[in-house]
N, C-alpha and C. Protein backbone atom coordinates (compact mmCIF):
# COMPACT_ATOMS: atom_id res chain seq x y z
N UNK A 1 -13.21 -32.68 18.62
CA UNK A 1 -13.42 -31.46 17.87
C UNK A 1 -14.48 -30.57 18.52
N UNK A 2 -15.51 -31.15 19.13
CA UNK A 2 -16.55 -30.36 19.78
C UNK A 2 -16.00 -29.56 20.96
N UNK A 3 -15.06 -30.14 21.72
CA UNK A 3 -14.45 -29.42 22.85
C UNK A 3 -13.70 -28.20 22.33
N UNK A 4 -12.95 -28.38 21.26
CA UNK A 4 -12.21 -27.25 20.68
C UNK A 4 -13.17 -26.17 20.19
N UNK A 5 -14.25 -26.57 19.57
CA UNK A 5 -15.23 -25.60 19.07
C UNK A 5 -15.88 -24.85 20.23
N UNK A 6 -16.19 -25.56 21.31
CA UNK A 6 -16.79 -24.92 22.48
C UNK A 6 -15.83 -23.89 23.08
N UNK A 7 -14.57 -24.22 23.16
CA UNK A 7 -13.56 -23.28 23.67
C UNK A 7 -13.40 -22.10 22.72
N UNK A 8 -13.43 -22.35 21.43
CA UNK A 8 -13.36 -21.28 20.44
C UNK A 8 -14.52 -20.32 20.61
N UNK A 9 -15.74 -20.87 20.80
CA UNK A 9 -16.92 -20.04 21.02
C UNK A 9 -16.74 -19.14 22.24
N UNK A 10 -16.15 -19.68 23.30
CA UNK A 10 -15.90 -18.88 24.51
C UNK A 10 -14.96 -17.72 24.18
N UNK A 11 -13.92 -17.99 23.41
CA UNK A 11 -12.98 -16.95 23.03
C UNK A 11 -13.64 -15.85 22.21
N UNK A 12 -14.51 -16.25 21.31
CA UNK A 12 -15.23 -15.28 20.49
C UNK A 12 -16.08 -14.37 21.38
N UNK A 13 -16.76 -14.96 22.35
CA UNK A 13 -17.62 -14.17 23.24
C UNK A 13 -16.79 -13.16 24.03
N UNK A 14 -15.64 -13.61 24.55
CA UNK A 14 -14.80 -12.70 25.33
C UNK A 14 -14.22 -11.59 24.46
N UNK A 15 -13.78 -11.92 23.27
CA UNK A 15 -13.26 -10.89 22.37
C UNK A 15 -14.31 -9.86 22.05
N UNK A 16 -15.51 -10.33 21.78
CA UNK A 16 -16.62 -9.43 21.48
C UNK A 16 -16.95 -8.56 22.69
N UNK A 17 -17.04 -9.18 23.85
CA UNK A 17 -17.38 -8.47 25.07
C UNK A 17 -16.37 -7.36 25.33
N UNK A 18 -15.11 -7.70 25.30
CA UNK A 18 -14.11 -6.70 25.67
C UNK A 18 -14.00 -5.59 24.64
N UNK A 19 -13.89 -5.96 23.40
CA UNK A 19 -13.63 -4.95 22.38
C UNK A 19 -14.87 -4.13 22.01
N UNK A 20 -16.04 -4.66 22.29
CA UNK A 20 -17.26 -3.88 22.06
C UNK A 20 -17.42 -2.80 23.13
N UNK A 21 -17.03 -3.10 24.36
CA UNK A 21 -17.34 -2.19 25.47
C UNK A 21 -16.14 -1.43 26.03
N UNK A 22 -14.92 -1.84 25.72
CA UNK A 22 -13.75 -1.11 26.21
C UNK A 22 -13.83 0.34 25.75
N UNK A 23 -13.58 1.25 26.66
CA UNK A 23 -13.64 2.66 26.33
C UNK A 23 -14.98 3.31 26.63
N UNK A 24 -15.98 2.52 26.97
CA UNK A 24 -17.29 3.07 27.31
C UNK A 24 -17.16 3.95 28.56
N UNK A 25 -17.75 5.13 28.57
CA UNK A 25 -17.72 5.95 29.78
C UNK A 25 -18.35 5.18 30.95
N UNK A 26 -17.68 5.22 32.10
CA UNK A 26 -18.11 4.45 33.27
C UNK A 26 -18.04 5.31 34.51
N UNK A 27 -19.12 5.31 35.27
CA UNK A 27 -19.16 6.00 36.57
C UNK A 27 -19.81 5.05 37.57
N UNK A 28 -19.75 5.44 38.83
CA UNK A 28 -20.43 4.62 39.84
C UNK A 28 -21.93 4.57 39.57
N UNK A 29 -22.47 5.65 39.05
CA UNK A 29 -23.92 5.70 38.78
C UNK A 29 -24.32 4.84 37.58
N UNK A 30 -23.43 4.65 36.63
CA UNK A 30 -23.78 3.88 35.43
C UNK A 30 -23.35 2.42 35.50
N UNK A 31 -22.65 2.02 36.56
CA UNK A 31 -22.11 0.66 36.65
C UNK A 31 -23.19 -0.42 36.52
N UNK A 32 -24.29 -0.26 37.24
CA UNK A 32 -25.36 -1.28 37.19
C UNK A 32 -25.90 -1.47 35.78
N UNK A 33 -26.22 -0.38 35.13
CA UNK A 33 -26.82 -0.49 33.80
C UNK A 33 -25.81 -1.01 32.78
N UNK A 34 -24.55 -0.66 32.94
CA UNK A 34 -23.53 -1.16 32.01
C UNK A 34 -23.32 -2.65 32.20
N UNK A 35 -23.31 -3.13 33.44
CA UNK A 35 -23.20 -4.57 33.70
C UNK A 35 -24.30 -5.32 32.96
N UNK A 36 -25.54 -4.87 33.12
CA UNK A 36 -26.68 -5.54 32.47
C UNK A 36 -26.59 -5.45 30.96
N UNK A 37 -26.20 -4.31 30.44
CA UNK A 37 -26.11 -4.14 28.98
C UNK A 37 -25.07 -5.10 28.39
N UNK A 38 -23.94 -5.24 29.05
CA UNK A 38 -22.90 -6.16 28.56
C UNK A 38 -23.42 -7.58 28.60
N UNK A 39 -23.99 -7.97 29.73
CA UNK A 39 -24.51 -9.34 29.86
C UNK A 39 -25.54 -9.65 28.79
N UNK A 40 -26.52 -8.79 28.65
CA UNK A 40 -27.60 -9.04 27.70
C UNK A 40 -27.11 -9.04 26.26
N UNK A 41 -26.16 -8.20 25.96
CA UNK A 41 -25.61 -8.14 24.61
C UNK A 41 -24.89 -9.44 24.25
N UNK A 42 -24.02 -9.89 25.12
CA UNK A 42 -23.22 -11.08 24.82
C UNK A 42 -24.08 -12.34 24.88
N UNK A 43 -25.06 -12.38 25.77
CA UNK A 43 -25.94 -13.56 25.86
C UNK A 43 -26.75 -13.77 24.58
N UNK A 44 -26.87 -12.77 23.74
CA UNK A 44 -27.56 -12.93 22.46
C UNK A 44 -26.80 -13.83 21.49
N UNK A 45 -25.54 -14.00 21.69
CA UNK A 45 -24.72 -14.75 20.74
C UNK A 45 -24.97 -16.26 20.86
N UNK A 46 -24.79 -16.98 19.74
CA UNK A 46 -25.03 -18.43 19.74
C UNK A 46 -24.17 -19.15 20.78
N UNK A 47 -24.76 -20.17 21.38
CA UNK A 47 -24.10 -21.08 22.31
C UNK A 47 -23.76 -20.46 23.66
N UNK A 48 -24.18 -19.23 23.89
CA UNK A 48 -23.88 -18.55 25.15
C UNK A 48 -24.99 -18.85 26.14
N UNK A 49 -24.67 -19.59 27.19
CA UNK A 49 -25.69 -19.91 28.19
C UNK A 49 -25.84 -18.80 29.23
N UNK A 50 -24.72 -18.23 29.68
CA UNK A 50 -24.83 -17.14 30.65
C UNK A 50 -23.57 -16.28 30.64
N UNK A 51 -23.78 -15.04 31.04
CA UNK A 51 -22.69 -14.08 31.18
C UNK A 51 -22.94 -13.33 32.48
N UNK A 52 -21.91 -13.24 33.30
CA UNK A 52 -22.00 -12.48 34.54
C UNK A 52 -20.90 -11.43 34.52
N UNK A 53 -21.30 -10.18 34.65
CA UNK A 53 -20.36 -9.05 34.64
C UNK A 53 -20.54 -8.28 35.93
N UNK A 54 -19.44 -8.04 36.63
CA UNK A 54 -19.47 -7.22 37.83
C UNK A 54 -18.41 -6.15 37.73
N UNK A 55 -18.83 -4.90 37.81
CA UNK A 55 -17.89 -3.79 37.88
C UNK A 55 -17.35 -3.74 39.31
N UNK A 56 -16.05 -3.73 39.44
CA UNK A 56 -15.41 -3.66 40.76
C UNK A 56 -15.48 -2.22 41.25
N UNK A 57 -16.51 -1.94 42.02
CA UNK A 57 -16.79 -0.57 42.41
C UNK A 57 -15.70 0.05 43.28
N UNK A 58 -15.01 -0.77 44.08
CA UNK A 58 -13.92 -0.23 44.89
C UNK A 58 -12.76 0.24 44.01
N UNK A 59 -12.44 -0.53 42.98
CA UNK A 59 -11.38 -0.15 42.04
C UNK A 59 -11.82 1.09 41.26
N UNK A 60 -13.07 1.10 40.83
CA UNK A 60 -13.61 2.25 40.10
C UNK A 60 -13.58 3.50 40.98
N UNK A 61 -14.04 3.38 42.22
CA UNK A 61 -14.06 4.54 43.12
C UNK A 61 -12.65 5.09 43.34
N UNK A 62 -11.68 4.20 43.49
CA UNK A 62 -10.29 4.66 43.67
C UNK A 62 -9.79 5.39 42.44
N UNK A 63 -10.13 4.90 41.26
CA UNK A 63 -9.71 5.56 40.02
C UNK A 63 -10.38 6.92 39.89
N UNK A 64 -11.63 7.01 40.28
CA UNK A 64 -12.35 8.28 40.17
C UNK A 64 -11.83 9.31 41.17
N UNK A 65 -11.35 8.85 42.32
CA UNK A 65 -10.78 9.77 43.31
C UNK A 65 -9.54 10.46 42.76
N UNK A 66 -8.81 9.78 41.88
CA UNK A 66 -7.58 10.33 41.30
C UNK A 66 -7.86 11.18 40.07
N UNK A 67 -9.10 11.27 39.67
CA UNK A 67 -9.47 11.96 38.43
C UNK A 67 -10.20 13.27 38.72
N UNK A 68 -10.14 14.17 37.78
CA UNK A 68 -10.91 15.40 37.90
C UNK A 68 -12.30 15.25 37.28
N UNK A 69 -12.49 14.17 36.54
CA UNK A 69 -13.79 13.90 35.90
C UNK A 69 -14.64 13.02 36.80
N UNK A 70 -15.93 12.98 36.51
CA UNK A 70 -16.86 12.15 37.30
C UNK A 70 -17.04 10.77 36.69
N UNK A 71 -16.27 10.47 35.66
CA UNK A 71 -16.33 9.16 35.01
C UNK A 71 -14.94 8.81 34.49
N UNK A 72 -14.79 7.56 34.07
CA UNK A 72 -13.56 7.10 33.44
C UNK A 72 -13.94 6.17 32.30
N UNK A 73 -12.96 5.61 31.63
CA UNK A 73 -13.22 4.66 30.55
C UNK A 73 -13.20 3.24 31.08
N UNK A 74 -14.11 2.42 30.60
CA UNK A 74 -14.14 1.02 30.98
C UNK A 74 -12.91 0.30 30.44
N UNK A 75 -12.21 -0.38 31.34
CA UNK A 75 -11.10 -1.26 30.97
C UNK A 75 -11.24 -2.54 31.78
N UNK A 76 -10.44 -3.53 31.45
CA UNK A 76 -10.52 -4.81 32.13
C UNK A 76 -10.25 -4.75 33.62
N UNK A 77 -9.50 -3.76 34.07
CA UNK A 77 -9.17 -3.70 35.50
C UNK A 77 -10.40 -3.45 36.36
N UNK A 78 -11.48 -2.97 35.77
CA UNK A 78 -12.70 -2.70 36.52
C UNK A 78 -13.67 -3.88 36.52
N UNK A 79 -13.38 -4.94 35.77
CA UNK A 79 -14.37 -5.98 35.54
C UNK A 79 -14.01 -7.34 36.13
N UNK A 80 -15.03 -8.02 36.60
CA UNK A 80 -14.99 -9.46 36.85
C UNK A 80 -16.04 -10.04 35.92
N UNK A 81 -15.63 -11.00 35.10
CA UNK A 81 -16.53 -11.55 34.07
C UNK A 81 -16.45 -13.07 34.10
N UNK A 82 -17.61 -13.71 33.97
CA UNK A 82 -17.68 -15.15 33.75
C UNK A 82 -18.60 -15.39 32.56
N UNK A 83 -18.15 -16.24 31.65
CA UNK A 83 -18.95 -16.61 30.48
C UNK A 83 -19.08 -18.13 30.46
N UNK A 84 -20.31 -18.61 30.30
CA UNK A 84 -20.56 -20.05 30.21
C UNK A 84 -21.11 -20.35 28.82
N UNK A 85 -20.44 -21.26 28.14
CA UNK A 85 -20.81 -21.67 26.79
C UNK A 85 -21.33 -23.10 26.85
N UNK A 86 -22.36 -23.38 26.07
CA UNK A 86 -22.86 -24.74 25.92
C UNK A 86 -22.89 -25.07 24.43
N UNK A 87 -22.10 -26.05 24.04
CA UNK A 87 -22.00 -26.42 22.63
C UNK A 87 -21.99 -27.93 22.49
N UNK A 88 -23.01 -28.48 21.82
CA UNK A 88 -23.08 -29.92 21.55
C UNK A 88 -22.86 -30.75 22.82
N UNK A 89 -23.51 -30.37 23.91
CA UNK A 89 -23.42 -31.11 25.17
C UNK A 89 -22.16 -30.85 25.97
N UNK A 90 -21.36 -29.89 25.56
CA UNK A 90 -20.13 -29.54 26.28
C UNK A 90 -20.32 -28.17 26.90
N UNK A 91 -19.98 -28.07 28.19
CA UNK A 91 -20.06 -26.79 28.89
C UNK A 91 -18.65 -26.28 29.13
N UNK A 92 -18.42 -25.04 28.75
CA UNK A 92 -17.13 -24.37 28.96
C UNK A 92 -17.37 -23.17 29.85
N UNK A 93 -16.62 -23.08 30.94
CA UNK A 93 -16.72 -21.95 31.86
C UNK A 93 -15.41 -21.18 31.80
N UNK A 94 -15.52 -19.88 31.52
CA UNK A 94 -14.35 -19.02 31.42
C UNK A 94 -14.54 -17.79 32.28
N UNK A 95 -13.44 -17.15 32.62
CA UNK A 95 -13.51 -15.89 33.36
C UNK A 95 -12.38 -14.99 32.89
N UNK A 96 -12.48 -13.74 33.23
CA UNK A 96 -11.44 -12.79 32.87
C UNK A 96 -10.53 -12.59 34.07
N UNK A 97 -9.22 -12.49 33.79
CA UNK A 97 -8.23 -12.28 34.83
C UNK A 97 -7.18 -11.30 34.31
N UNK A 98 -6.78 -10.39 35.15
CA UNK A 98 -5.74 -9.44 34.77
C UNK A 98 -4.37 -10.08 34.99
N UNK A 99 -3.51 -9.94 33.98
CA UNK A 99 -2.14 -10.43 34.10
C UNK A 99 -1.20 -9.36 33.54
N UNK A 100 -0.35 -8.85 34.41
CA UNK A 100 0.58 -7.78 34.02
C UNK A 100 -0.16 -6.59 33.41
N UNK A 101 -1.33 -6.26 33.97
CA UNK A 101 -2.09 -5.11 33.50
C UNK A 101 -2.90 -5.35 32.25
N UNK A 102 -2.99 -6.60 31.80
CA UNK A 102 -3.71 -6.92 30.57
C UNK A 102 -4.80 -7.94 30.87
N UNK A 103 -6.04 -7.73 30.37
CA UNK A 103 -7.11 -8.69 30.65
C UNK A 103 -7.00 -9.93 29.76
N UNK A 104 -6.99 -11.08 30.40
CA UNK A 104 -6.91 -12.35 29.67
C UNK A 104 -8.09 -13.23 30.03
N UNK A 105 -8.48 -14.09 29.09
CA UNK A 105 -9.51 -15.09 29.34
C UNK A 105 -8.84 -16.31 29.95
N UNK A 106 -9.43 -16.84 31.02
CA UNK A 106 -8.93 -18.03 31.68
C UNK A 106 -9.98 -19.12 31.53
N UNK A 107 -9.57 -20.29 31.11
CA UNK A 107 -10.46 -21.44 30.99
C UNK A 107 -10.57 -22.09 32.36
N UNK A 108 -11.76 -22.00 32.96
CA UNK A 108 -11.99 -22.56 34.29
C UNK A 108 -12.28 -24.06 34.23
N UNK A 109 -13.18 -24.44 33.32
CA UNK A 109 -13.54 -25.86 33.25
C UNK A 109 -14.17 -26.19 31.89
N UNK A 110 -14.04 -27.47 31.56
CA UNK A 110 -14.70 -28.04 30.39
C UNK A 110 -15.37 -29.32 30.84
N UNK A 111 -16.68 -29.39 30.67
CA UNK A 111 -17.43 -30.58 31.10
C UNK A 111 -18.27 -31.12 29.96
N UNK A 112 -18.29 -32.44 29.85
CA UNK A 112 -19.12 -33.07 28.81
C UNK A 112 -20.35 -33.70 29.42
């Protein structure tokens, strides 16, 4: 049951991360601060040991080249994310992966 709860906690963190920040205005200039804001926000949640967020600047730059604006909206295609949960001695490592244009959480490992 603890393994299932640890995995559930990881899912909650990813849902919160994505749905809290999707649509946030994003530019090359704001990428650093947005990465830190997402990490620090999600790390506040219970059982969250670490969060790593990287904006894929090459993907962002390509999207901005096609736009008339100097920013775009944050979506999963711009992000690489890893979330590590620690619950009752169980470590769950997850990451985000795009599949058919949709961001999904992938369970990397579960260790006791």
